[in-house]
N, C-alpha and C. Protein backbone atom coordinates (compact mmCIF):
# COMPACT_ATOMS: atom_id res chain seq x y z
N UNK A 1 -79.99 -22.52 -66.66
CA UNK A 1 -80.88 -22.59 -65.59
C UNK A 1 -82.00 -20.88 -65.57
N UNK A 2 -83.00 -20.97 -65.04
CA UNK A 2 -83.67 -19.44 -64.59
C UNK A 2 -82.72 -18.52 -63.71
N UNK A 3 -81.75 -19.37 -62.66
CA UNK A 3 -81.66 -18.62 -61.97
C UNK A 3 -79.49 -18.64 -62.48
N UNK A 4 -80.23 -19.29 -63.49
CA UNK A 4 -78.79 -18.81 -64.49
C UNK A 4 -77.53 -19.71 -63.79
N UNK A 5 -77.36 -20.89 -63.23
CA UNK A 5 -76.55 -21.14 -62.48
C UNK A 5 -75.00 -21.51 -63.49
N UNK A 6 -75.66 -22.20 -64.38
CA UNK A 6 -74.53 -22.59 -65.26
C UNK A 6 -74.10 -21.29 -66.28
N UNK A 7 -74.81 -20.53 -66.48
CA UNK A 7 -73.99 -18.91 -67.19
C UNK A 7 -72.98 -18.89 -66.89
N UNK A 8 -71.87 -18.96 -67.88
CA UNK A 8 -70.65 -18.44 -67.71
C UNK A 8 -70.26 -17.08 -67.93
N UNK A 9 -70.01 -16.43 -67.14
CA UNK A 9 -69.54 -14.79 -66.83
C UNK A 9 -69.13 -13.89 -67.88
N UNK A 10 -69.21 -13.04 -68.33
CA UNK A 10 -68.51 -12.51 -69.11
C UNK A 10 -66.74 -12.57 -70.00
N UNK A 11 -66.29 -12.34 -68.60
CA UNK A 11 -64.68 -12.70 -68.81
C UNK A 11 -64.47 -14.04 -68.98
N UNK A 12 -65.24 -14.78 -68.35
CA UNK A 12 -64.90 -16.36 -68.61
C UNK A 12 -64.91 -17.01 -70.23
N UNK A 13 -66.48 -16.17 -70.89
CA UNK A 13 -66.53 -16.05 -72.35
C UNK A 13 -65.22 -15.48 -73.15
N UNK A 14 -65.01 -14.21 -72.94
CA UNK A 14 -64.19 -14.08 -73.81
C UNK A 14 -62.99 -14.85 -73.76
N UNK A 15 -61.97 -15.17 -72.62
CA UNK A 15 -61.41 -15.95 -72.21
C UNK A 15 -61.45 -17.22 -73.20
N UNK A 16 -62.41 -17.82 -73.05
CA UNK A 16 -62.62 -19.14 -74.30
C UNK A 16 -62.89 -18.90 -75.46
N UNK A 17 -63.41 -17.60 -75.85
CA UNK A 17 -63.55 -17.33 -77.32
C UNK A 17 -61.86 -16.95 -77.72
N UNK A 18 -61.19 -16.70 -76.77
CA UNK A 18 -59.57 -16.42 -77.67
C UNK A 18 -58.87 -17.27 -77.44
N UNK A 19 -59.29 -18.15 -77.05
CA UNK A 19 -58.13 -19.86 -77.25
C UNK A 19 -57.58 -20.04 -78.62
N UNK A 20 -56.89 -20.49 -78.90
CA UNK A 20 -56.64 -21.31 -80.32
C UNK A 20 -55.81 -22.50 -80.28
N UNK A 21 -55.55 -22.66 -78.86
CA UNK A 21 -54.80 -24.10 -79.18
C UNK A 21 -55.75 -24.69 -78.20
N UNK A 22 -55.45 -26.30 -78.02
CA UNK A 22 -56.40 -27.15 -76.83
C UNK A 22 -55.96 -27.20 -75.55
N UNK A 23 -57.02 -26.84 -74.91
CA UNK A 23 -56.55 -26.89 -73.35
C UNK A 23 -57.45 -27.98 -72.75
N UNK A 24 -56.53 -28.92 -71.80
CA UNK A 24 -57.30 -30.02 -71.48
C UNK A 24 -57.91 -29.98 -70.64
N UNK A 25 -59.18 -30.15 -69.65
CA UNK A 25 -59.35 -30.27 -68.31
C UNK A 25 -59.45 -31.62 -67.52
N UNK A 26 -59.12 -31.77 -67.04
CA UNK A 26 -59.51 -33.49 -66.69
C UNK A 26 -59.77 -33.29 -64.86
N UNK A 27 -60.91 -33.64 -65.02
CA UNK A 27 -61.94 -33.72 -63.46
C UNK A 27 -61.24 -35.12 -62.99
N UNK A 28 -60.86 -34.49 -61.66
CA UNK A 28 -60.58 -35.93 -60.72
C UNK A 28 -61.36 -36.18 -59.77
N UNK A 29 -62.54 -35.23 -59.75
CA UNK A 29 -63.88 -35.64 -58.69
C UNK A 29 -64.06 -36.64 -58.64
N UNK A 30 -64.30 -37.74 -57.88
CA UNK A 30 -65.28 -38.83 -57.37
C UNK A 30 -66.42 -38.88 -58.46
N UNK A 31 -67.45 -39.84 -58.84
CA UNK A 31 -68.66 -39.90 -59.08
C UNK A 31 -69.68 -39.75 -58.06
N UNK A 32 -69.30 -39.89 -56.75
CA UNK A 32 -69.73 -39.88 -56.02
C UNK A 32 -69.78 -38.13 -54.99
N UNK A 33 -68.79 -37.65 -55.73
CA UNK A 33 -68.50 -36.32 -55.04
C UNK A 33 -69.55 -35.12 -55.16
N UNK A 34 -70.18 -34.83 -54.11
CA UNK A 34 -71.44 -34.18 -54.26
C UNK A 34 -71.17 -32.76 -55.12
N UNK A 35 -70.56 -32.46 -55.32
CA UNK A 35 -70.11 -31.31 -56.41
C UNK A 35 -69.61 -32.10 -58.29
N UNK A 36 -69.46 -33.26 -58.47
CA UNK A 36 -69.26 -33.56 -59.44
C UNK A 36 -70.27 -33.45 -60.67
N UNK A 37 -71.66 -33.90 -59.83
CA UNK A 37 -72.54 -33.19 -61.66
C UNK A 37 -72.85 -31.76 -62.07
N UNK A 38 -72.68 -30.66 -60.54
CA UNK A 38 -72.16 -29.67 -60.96
C UNK A 38 -70.96 -29.22 -61.89
N UNK A 39 -70.35 -29.77 -61.55
CA UNK A 39 -68.90 -29.58 -61.88
C UNK A 39 -68.90 -29.99 -63.60
N UNK A 40 -69.64 -31.08 -63.79
CA UNK A 40 -70.03 -31.91 -65.05
C UNK A 40 -70.68 -30.34 -65.90
N UNK A 41 -71.74 -29.88 -65.40
CA UNK A 41 -72.45 -29.13 -66.06
C UNK A 41 -71.61 -27.91 -66.30
N UNK A 42 -70.93 -27.19 -65.55
CA UNK A 42 -70.12 -26.21 -66.01
C UNK A 42 -69.40 -26.48 -66.89
N UNK A 43 -68.28 -27.35 -66.80
CA UNK A 43 -67.05 -28.05 -67.83
C UNK A 43 -67.86 -28.29 -69.18
N UNK A 44 -68.99 -28.68 -69.40
CA UNK A 44 -70.01 -28.97 -70.29
C UNK A 44 -70.22 -27.46 -71.02
N UNK A 45 -70.37 -26.80 -70.10
CA UNK A 45 -70.81 -25.13 -70.46
C UNK A 45 -69.40 -24.84 -71.11
N UNK A 46 -68.40 -25.12 -70.64
CA UNK A 46 -66.93 -24.47 -71.24
C UNK A 46 -66.87 -24.72 -72.69
N UNK A 47 -67.41 -26.49 -72.97
CA UNK A 47 -67.13 -27.05 -74.13
C UNK A 47 -68.01 -26.56 -75.02
N UNK A 48 -69.06 -25.88 -74.30
CA UNK A 48 -70.01 -25.67 -75.77
C UNK A 48 -69.61 -24.23 -76.37
N UNK A 49 -68.81 -23.56 -75.70
CA UNK A 49 -68.16 -22.27 -75.76
C UNK A 49 -66.89 -22.53 -76.56
N UNK A 50 -66.13 -23.50 -76.47
CA UNK A 50 -65.20 -23.45 -77.49
C UNK A 50 -64.46 -24.72 -77.88
N UNK A 51 -64.44 -24.79 -78.87
CA UNK A 51 -63.81 -26.28 -79.24
C UNK A 51 -62.41 -26.74 -78.61
N UNK A 52 -61.91 -25.67 -78.43
CA UNK A 52 -60.28 -26.02 -77.94
C UNK A 52 -60.39 -26.36 -76.19
N UNK A 53 -61.75 -26.47 -76.06
CA UNK A 53 -61.79 -27.09 -74.53
C UNK A 53 -62.21 -28.93 -74.48
N UNK A 54 -60.82 -29.41 -74.40
CA UNK A 54 -60.81 -31.02 -74.20
C UNK A 54 -61.53 -31.17 -72.47
N UNK A 55 -62.19 -32.28 -72.54
CA UNK A 55 -62.60 -32.54 -71.15
C UNK A 55 -62.47 -33.53 -71.01
N UNK A 56 -62.18 -34.24 -69.91
CA UNK A 56 -61.45 -35.51 -69.50
C UNK A 56 -62.34 -36.10 -68.03
N UNK A 57 -62.77 -37.08 -67.71
CA UNK A 57 -63.18 -37.66 -66.31
C UNK A 57 -62.83 -38.43 -65.94
N UNK A 58 -61.54 -38.46 -64.68
CA UNK A 58 -61.09 -39.70 -64.43
C UNK A 58 -61.60 -39.80 -62.71
N UNK A 59 -62.25 -41.04 -62.22
CA UNK A 59 -62.63 -41.05 -61.26
C UNK A 59 -61.39 -41.91 -60.66
N UNK A 60 -60.66 -41.24 -59.59
CA UNK A 60 -59.81 -42.28 -58.80
C UNK A 60 -59.99 -43.48 -58.26
N UNK A 61 -60.77 -43.64 -58.00
CA UNK A 61 -61.24 -45.09 -57.34
C UNK A 61 -61.93 -46.09 -58.50
N UNK A 62 -62.45 -45.69 -59.41
CA UNK A 62 -62.78 -46.17 -60.14
C UNK A 62 -61.99 -46.55 -62.01
N UNK A 63 -61.44 -45.36 -61.98
CA UNK A 63 -60.31 -45.35 -63.17
C UNK A 63 -59.04 -45.38 -62.52
N UNK A 64 -58.42 -46.50 -61.72
CA UNK A 64 -57.08 -46.67 -61.48
C UNK A 64 -55.79 -46.50 -62.14
N UNK A 65 -56.05 -47.40 -63.56
CA UNK A 65 -54.89 -47.38 -64.47
C UNK A 65 -54.83 -45.58 -64.63
N UNK A 66 -56.27 -45.04 -64.96
CA UNK A 66 -55.91 -43.81 -65.69
C UNK A 66 -55.70 -42.72 -64.52
N UNK A 67 -55.80 -42.98 -63.51
CA UNK A 67 -55.31 -42.62 -62.26
C UNK A 67 -53.88 -42.50 -61.91
N UNK A 68 -53.10 -43.84 -62.19
CA UNK A 68 -52.08 -44.54 -61.72
C UNK A 68 -51.06 -43.54 -62.92
N UNK A 69 -52.00 -43.51 -64.07
CA UNK A 69 -50.97 -42.71 -65.23
C UNK A 69 -50.58 -41.34 -65.13
N UNK A 70 -51.95 -40.71 -64.75
CA UNK A 70 -51.52 -39.30 -64.51
C UNK A 70 -51.03 -39.10 -63.06
N UNK A 71 -50.99 -40.07 -61.94
CA UNK A 71 -50.36 -39.58 -60.92
C UNK A 71 -49.11 -39.59 -61.09
N UNK A 72 -48.45 -40.73 -62.00
CA UNK A 72 -46.57 -40.90 -62.33
C UNK A 72 -46.46 -39.42 -62.98
N UNK A 73 -46.81 -39.18 -64.04
CA UNK A 73 -47.00 -38.11 -64.64
C UNK A 73 -47.08 -36.63 -64.07
N UNK A 74 -47.56 -36.54 -63.18
CA UNK A 74 -47.56 -35.29 -62.31
C UNK A 74 -47.53 -35.42 -60.64
N UNK A 75 -47.09 -36.14 -60.47
CA UNK A 75 -46.65 -36.77 -58.85
C UNK A 75 -48.20 -36.47 -58.22
N UNK A 76 -49.22 -37.37 -58.88
CA UNK A 76 -50.36 -36.87 -57.71
C UNK A 76 -50.35 -38.42 -56.96
N UNK A 77 -50.90 -38.17 -55.77
CA UNK A 77 -51.18 -39.22 -54.89
C UNK A 77 -52.71 -39.02 -54.59
N UNK A 78 -53.57 -40.07 -53.86
CA UNK A 78 -54.67 -40.33 -53.30
C UNK A 78 -54.31 -40.94 -52.20
N UNK A 79 -55.69 -40.37 -51.35
CA UNK A 79 -55.96 -40.59 -49.90
C UNK A 79 -57.68 -40.85 -50.00
N UNK A 80 -57.97 -42.30 -48.96
CA UNK A 80 -59.48 -42.49 -48.77
C UNK A 80 -60.18 -41.46 -48.38
N UNK A 81 -61.25 -41.39 -49.18
CA UNK A 81 -62.14 -39.80 -48.65
C UNK A 81 -63.42 -40.81 -47.87
N UNK A 82 -64.62 -40.18 -48.18
CA UNK A 82 -65.54 -40.95 -47.30
C UNK A 82 -66.75 -41.78 -47.89
N UNK A 83 -67.26 -42.48 -47.26
CA UNK A 83 -68.12 -44.08 -47.64
C UNK A 83 -66.87 -44.20 -48.70
N UNK A 84 -66.06 -44.43 -48.32
CA UNK A 84 -65.07 -45.62 -49.09
C UNK A 84 -64.68 -45.24 -50.47
N UNK A 85 -64.91 -44.16 -50.89
CA UNK A 85 -64.36 -43.14 -52.36
C UNK A 85 -62.82 -42.95 -51.91
N UNK A 86 -62.32 -42.48 -52.94
CA UNK A 86 -60.78 -41.72 -52.77
C UNK A 86 -60.98 -40.89 -53.95
N UNK A 87 -60.32 -39.79 -52.84
CA UNK A 87 -59.40 -38.09 -53.27
C UNK A 87 -58.39 -38.16 -53.52
N UNK A 88 -58.19 -37.44 -55.14
CA UNK A 88 -56.92 -37.28 -55.45
C UNK A 88 -56.60 -35.68 -54.81
N UNK A 89 -55.08 -35.87 -54.61
CA UNK A 89 -54.30 -34.11 -54.32
C UNK A 89 -55.06 -33.12 -54.78
N UNK A 90 -55.61 -33.29 -55.76
CA UNK A 90 -56.10 -32.34 -56.96
C UNK A 90 -57.32 -32.58 -57.28
N UNK A 91 -58.85 -31.84 -57.60
CA UNK A 91 -59.52 -32.26 -57.66
C UNK A 91 -59.83 -31.83 -59.49
N UNK A 92 -59.02 -30.77 -59.71
CA UNK A 92 -58.81 -30.68 -61.41
C UNK A 92 -57.76 -30.39 -61.62
N UNK A 93 -57.13 -30.79 -62.69
CA UNK A 93 -56.13 -30.50 -63.69
C UNK A 93 -56.39 -29.89 -64.81
N UNK A 94 -55.57 -29.23 -65.57
CA UNK A 94 -55.77 -28.18 -66.83
C UNK A 94 -54.19 -28.19 -67.24
N UNK A 95 -54.26 -28.56 -68.28
CA UNK A 95 -52.84 -29.05 -69.03
C UNK A 95 -52.92 -27.94 -70.24
N UNK A 96 -52.00 -27.61 -70.68
CA UNK A 96 -51.80 -27.29 -72.39
C UNK A 96 -50.34 -26.97 -72.39
N UNK A 97 -50.04 -28.14 -73.42
CA UNK A 97 -48.26 -27.76 -74.00
C UNK A 97 -47.19 -27.76 -72.89
N UNK A 98 -47.29 -28.89 -71.95
CA UNK A 98 -46.33 -28.92 -71.05
C UNK A 98 -46.74 -28.04 -69.93
N UNK A 99 -47.58 -27.10 -70.15
CA UNK A 99 -48.20 -26.34 -68.60
C UNK A 99 -49.51 -27.02 -68.10
N UNK A 100 -49.14 -27.15 -66.84
CA UNK A 100 -49.77 -27.30 -65.81
C UNK A 100 -50.66 -26.84 -64.39
N UNK A 101 -52.18 -26.40 -64.32
CA UNK A 101 -52.44 -26.03 -63.75
C UNK A 101 -53.36 -27.10 -62.40
N UNK A 102 -53.26 -27.11 -61.43
CA UNK A 102 -53.77 -27.68 -60.48
C UNK A 102 -54.52 -27.01 -59.26
N UNK A 103 -56.08 -27.62 -59.55
CA UNK A 103 -56.87 -27.16 -58.93
C UNK A 103 -57.52 -27.63 -57.13
N UNK A 104 -57.41 -27.29 -56.27
CA UNK A 104 -57.36 -28.65 -54.96
C UNK A 104 -58.82 -28.29 -54.70
N UNK A 105 -59.19 -29.50 -53.88
CA UNK A 105 -60.72 -29.53 -53.30
C UNK A 105 -61.04 -28.88 -52.59
N UNK A 106 -60.34 -28.16 -51.32
CA UNK A 106 -60.86 -27.21 -50.52
C UNK A 106 -60.95 -26.02 -51.06
N UNK A 107 -59.92 -25.64 -52.10
CA UNK A 107 -60.37 -24.59 -52.79
C UNK A 107 -61.80 -24.30 -53.59
N UNK A 108 -62.63 -25.35 -54.00
CA UNK A 108 -64.07 -25.36 -54.64
C UNK A 108 -64.69 -24.55 -53.65
N UNK A 109 -65.33 -24.71 -52.46
CA UNK A 109 -66.28 -23.61 -51.73
C UNK A 109 -65.50 -22.88 -51.21
N UNK A 110 -66.02 -21.75 -50.91
CA UNK A 110 -65.69 -20.71 -49.78
C UNK A 110 -67.04 -19.89 -49.14
N UNK A 111 -66.71 -19.80 -47.85
CA UNK A 111 -67.53 -19.11 -46.96
C UNK A 111 -67.90 -17.39 -47.21
N UNK A 112 -69.18 -17.21 -47.45
CA UNK A 112 -69.20 -15.76 -47.20
C UNK A 112 -69.27 -15.37 -45.98
N UNK A 113 -69.43 -13.60 -45.58
CA UNK A 113 -69.64 -13.30 -44.64
C UNK A 113 -70.44 -13.78 -43.63
N UNK A 114 -71.75 -14.23 -44.52
CA UNK A 114 -72.76 -14.44 -43.83
C UNK A 114 -72.63 -15.97 -43.57
N UNK A 115 -71.33 -16.96 -43.78
CA UNK A 115 -71.44 -18.05 -43.42
C UNK A 115 -72.17 -19.06 -44.87
N UNK A 116 -72.91 -18.27 -45.99
CA UNK A 116 -73.01 -19.03 -46.83
C UNK A 116 -72.29 -19.57 -47.87
N UNK A 117 -72.20 -20.92 -47.81
CA UNK A 117 -70.97 -21.54 -48.99
C UNK A 117 -71.12 -20.64 -50.44
N UNK A 118 -70.06 -20.53 -50.98
CA UNK A 118 -70.22 -20.37 -52.50
C UNK A 118 -69.10 -20.93 -53.02
N UNK A 119 -69.75 -21.54 -54.36
CA UNK A 119 -68.85 -22.54 -55.51
C UNK A 119 -67.91 -21.29 -56.23
N UNK A 120 -66.86 -21.80 -56.30
CA UNK A 120 -66.01 -21.03 -56.90
C UNK A 120 -65.69 -21.56 -58.27
N UNK A 121 -65.94 -22.78 -58.97
CA UNK A 121 -65.20 -23.28 -59.72
C UNK A 121 -65.24 -22.25 -61.26
N UNK A 122 -66.20 -22.12 -61.45
CA UNK A 122 -65.83 -21.15 -62.41
C UNK A 122 -64.70 -20.19 -62.54
N UNK A 123 -64.29 -19.85 -61.90
CA UNK A 123 -63.20 -18.58 -61.14
C UNK A 123 -61.83 -19.44 -61.16
N UNK A 124 -61.96 -20.57 -60.65
CA UNK A 124 -60.77 -21.05 -60.14
C UNK A 124 -60.52 -21.81 -62.13
N UNK A 125 -61.38 -22.03 -62.62
CA UNK A 125 -61.11 -23.07 -64.02
C UNK A 125 -60.85 -22.12 -64.47
N UNK A 126 -61.28 -20.96 -64.81
CA UNK A 126 -61.06 -19.50 -65.45
C UNK A 126 -59.23 -19.17 -65.53
N UNK A 127 -59.38 -19.18 -64.10
CA UNK A 127 -57.84 -18.70 -64.31
C UNK A 127 -56.50 -19.77 -64.32
N UNK A 128 -57.19 -21.10 -64.33
CA UNK A 128 -56.29 -22.29 -64.79
C UNK A 128 -55.77 -22.13 -66.10
N UNK A 129 -56.85 -21.85 -66.67
CA UNK A 129 -57.15 -22.01 -68.12
C UNK A 129 -55.85 -20.71 -68.53
N UNK A 130 -56.18 -19.22 -67.87
CA UNK A 130 -55.41 -18.34 -68.13
C UNK A 130 -54.08 -18.71 -67.88
N UNK A 131 -53.58 -19.28 -66.85
CA UNK A 131 -52.38 -19.29 -66.46
C UNK A 131 -51.41 -20.34 -67.15
N UNK A 132 -52.19 -21.67 -68.10
CA UNK A 132 -51.53 -22.48 -68.56
C UNK A 132 -51.91 -21.91 -70.07
N UNK A 133 -52.37 -20.66 -70.57
CA UNK A 133 -52.29 -19.78 -71.75
C UNK A 133 -50.71 -18.94 -71.54
N UNK A 134 -50.29 -18.62 -70.00
CA UNK A 134 -49.06 -17.58 -69.89
C UNK A 134 -47.74 -18.67 -70.36
N UNK A 135 -47.38 -18.11 -70.84
CA UNK A 135 -45.65 -19.04 -71.25
C UNK A 135 -44.76 -19.05 -69.65
N UNK A 136 -45.11 -18.11 -68.96
CA UNK A 136 -44.19 -18.91 -67.72
C UNK A 136 -45.00 -18.31 -66.37
N UNK A 137 -44.30 -19.57 -65.34
CA UNK A 137 -45.08 -19.95 -64.36
C UNK A 137 -44.71 -19.12 -63.46
N UNK A 138 -44.57 -18.82 -62.00
CA UNK A 138 -44.24 -18.33 -61.09
C UNK A 138 -43.37 -19.15 -60.24
N UNK A 139 -42.65 -18.28 -59.97
CA UNK A 139 -41.01 -19.27 -59.73
C UNK A 139 -40.57 -18.76 -58.30
N UNK A 140 -39.98 -19.66 -57.09
CA UNK A 140 -39.57 -19.42 -56.35
C UNK A 140 -38.44 -19.88 -56.96
N UNK A 141 -37.22 -19.27 -56.05
CA UNK A 141 -36.18 -19.13 -55.90
C UNK A 141 -35.36 -19.77 -54.69
N UNK A 142 -34.43 -20.94 -54.51
CA UNK A 142 -33.85 -20.93 -53.32
C UNK A 142 -32.36 -21.04 -53.54
N UNK A 143 -31.19 -20.04 -52.46
CA UNK A 143 -30.08 -20.39 -52.71
C UNK A 143 -29.01 -21.47 -52.46
N UNK A 144 -28.00 -21.75 -52.98
CA UNK A 144 -27.01 -22.94 -53.01
C UNK A 144 -25.89 -22.50 -53.07
N UNK A 145 -24.77 -23.11 -52.43
CA UNK A 145 -23.60 -23.30 -52.57
C UNK A 145 -22.83 -22.81 -51.16
N UNK A 146 -23.99 -22.55 -50.15
CA UNK A 146 -23.38 -22.36 -48.68
C UNK A 146 -23.85 -23.29 -47.69
N UNK A 147 -23.86 -24.56 -47.92
CA UNK A 147 -24.48 -25.81 -46.96
C UNK A 147 -25.79 -25.56 -47.26
N UNK A 148 -26.61 -24.90 -48.00
CA UNK A 148 -27.99 -24.92 -47.43
C UNK A 148 -28.77 -26.13 -48.19
N UNK A 149 -30.04 -26.85 -47.44
CA UNK A 149 -30.32 -27.77 -48.28
C UNK A 149 -31.40 -27.90 -49.61
N UNK A 150 -31.34 -29.19 -50.02
CA UNK A 150 -31.04 -29.07 -51.22
C UNK A 150 -32.75 -29.52 -52.20
N UNK A 151 -33.32 -28.69 -52.64
CA UNK A 151 -34.27 -29.62 -53.16
C UNK A 151 -34.61 -31.05 -53.51
N UNK A 152 -33.61 -31.35 -53.51
CA UNK A 152 -33.22 -32.53 -54.26
C UNK A 152 -33.23 -33.74 -53.08
N UNK A 153 -32.83 -33.29 -52.09
CA UNK A 153 -32.60 -34.11 -51.24
C UNK A 153 -33.70 -34.86 -50.70
N UNK A 154 -34.19 -35.82 -50.90
CA UNK A 154 -35.55 -36.60 -50.07
C UNK A 154 -34.93 -36.82 -48.55
N UNK A 155 -34.50 -36.79 -48.39
CA UNK A 155 -33.85 -37.44 -46.76
C UNK A 155 -34.81 -36.41 -45.54
N UNK A 156 -34.80 -36.59 -44.48
CA UNK A 156 -35.13 -35.97 -43.57
C UNK A 156 -35.00 -34.34 -43.28
N UNK A 157 -33.53 -33.79 -43.81
CA UNK A 157 -33.01 -32.70 -43.59
C UNK A 157 -33.19 -31.93 -45.01
N UNK A 158 -33.81 -32.52 -46.58
CA UNK A 158 -33.79 -32.23 -47.34
C UNK A 158 -34.98 -31.65 -47.42
N UNK A 159 -35.41 -30.89 -48.54
CA UNK A 159 -36.68 -30.17 -48.96
C UNK A 159 -37.36 -30.50 -50.16
N UNK A 160 -37.33 -32.14 -50.30
CA UNK A 160 -37.59 -32.54 -51.70
C UNK A 160 -39.02 -32.26 -51.35
N UNK A 161 -39.75 -32.64 -50.19
CA UNK A 161 -41.18 -32.59 -50.14
C UNK A 161 -41.73 -31.16 -50.32
N UNK A 162 -41.02 -29.49 -49.88
CA UNK A 162 -41.25 -28.57 -50.20
C UNK A 162 -41.21 -28.58 -51.54
N UNK A 163 -40.39 -28.62 -52.21
CA UNK A 163 -40.29 -28.97 -53.85
C UNK A 163 -41.73 -29.54 -54.38
N UNK A 164 -41.46 -30.53 -53.77
CA UNK A 164 -43.32 -31.38 -54.68
C UNK A 164 -44.67 -30.43 -53.95
N UNK A 165 -44.60 -29.66 -52.47
CA UNK A 165 -45.67 -28.79 -52.66
C UNK A 165 -45.94 -27.70 -53.04
N UNK A 166 -45.09 -27.22 -53.33
CA UNK A 166 -44.38 -25.90 -54.24
C UNK A 166 -45.31 -25.89 -55.79
N UNK A 167 -44.78 -27.45 -56.21
CA UNK A 167 -45.20 -27.78 -57.35
C UNK A 167 -46.71 -27.78 -57.55
N UNK A 168 -47.16 -28.70 -56.65
CA UNK A 168 -48.62 -28.44 -56.25
C UNK A 168 -49.76 -27.82 -55.92
N UNK A 169 -48.54 -26.42 -55.49
CA UNK A 169 -49.43 -25.21 -55.49
C UNK A 169 -49.40 -24.32 -57.06
N UNK A 170 -48.78 -24.64 -57.70
CA UNK A 170 -48.85 -24.39 -59.37
C UNK A 170 -47.31 -23.33 -58.81
N UNK A 171 -46.51 -23.26 -58.24
CA UNK A 171 -45.10 -22.80 -58.74
C UNK A 171 -44.07 -23.25 -58.87
N UNK A 172 -43.35 -23.08 -59.82
CA UNK A 172 -41.73 -23.38 -60.46
C UNK A 172 -40.89 -23.32 -59.24
N UNK A 173 -39.76 -24.24 -59.23
CA UNK A 173 -38.83 -24.29 -58.30
C UNK A 173 -37.34 -24.12 -59.25
């Protein structure tokens, strides 16, 4: 566009041109989401730059079976949104060879110092692609052996929910 709304930045272009293996980007934005059209245009720009980018669009409300399969595979939940929509726990899922990266909806827009909304989708998508390209994930370690609570314990005193939240924050436990 004339204001370069969907023109990718030089670092993003370099990242995309260096891809040698397929990376799948799954959009989990409902079609009614105000960011869905802009996200689709940006994702199309990514795909136009690299044949290694594979796009998939799953609306949690309309593509119930596809979302359920993703939810089971990645422990994703959905909740009711505005105007009868269904919102996934993550807005985007980026995958490559067993590595996954989640982008949450609340991270997509940030306000600058003047209170104007700034879309952060390109930065978040590029970070996610770079992260799944890395061989190692960030890891959080917990001590065991002296009566500490367990990450496997699903009871009220266990840390299973913390383990799940850390995984959704792109951390390995």
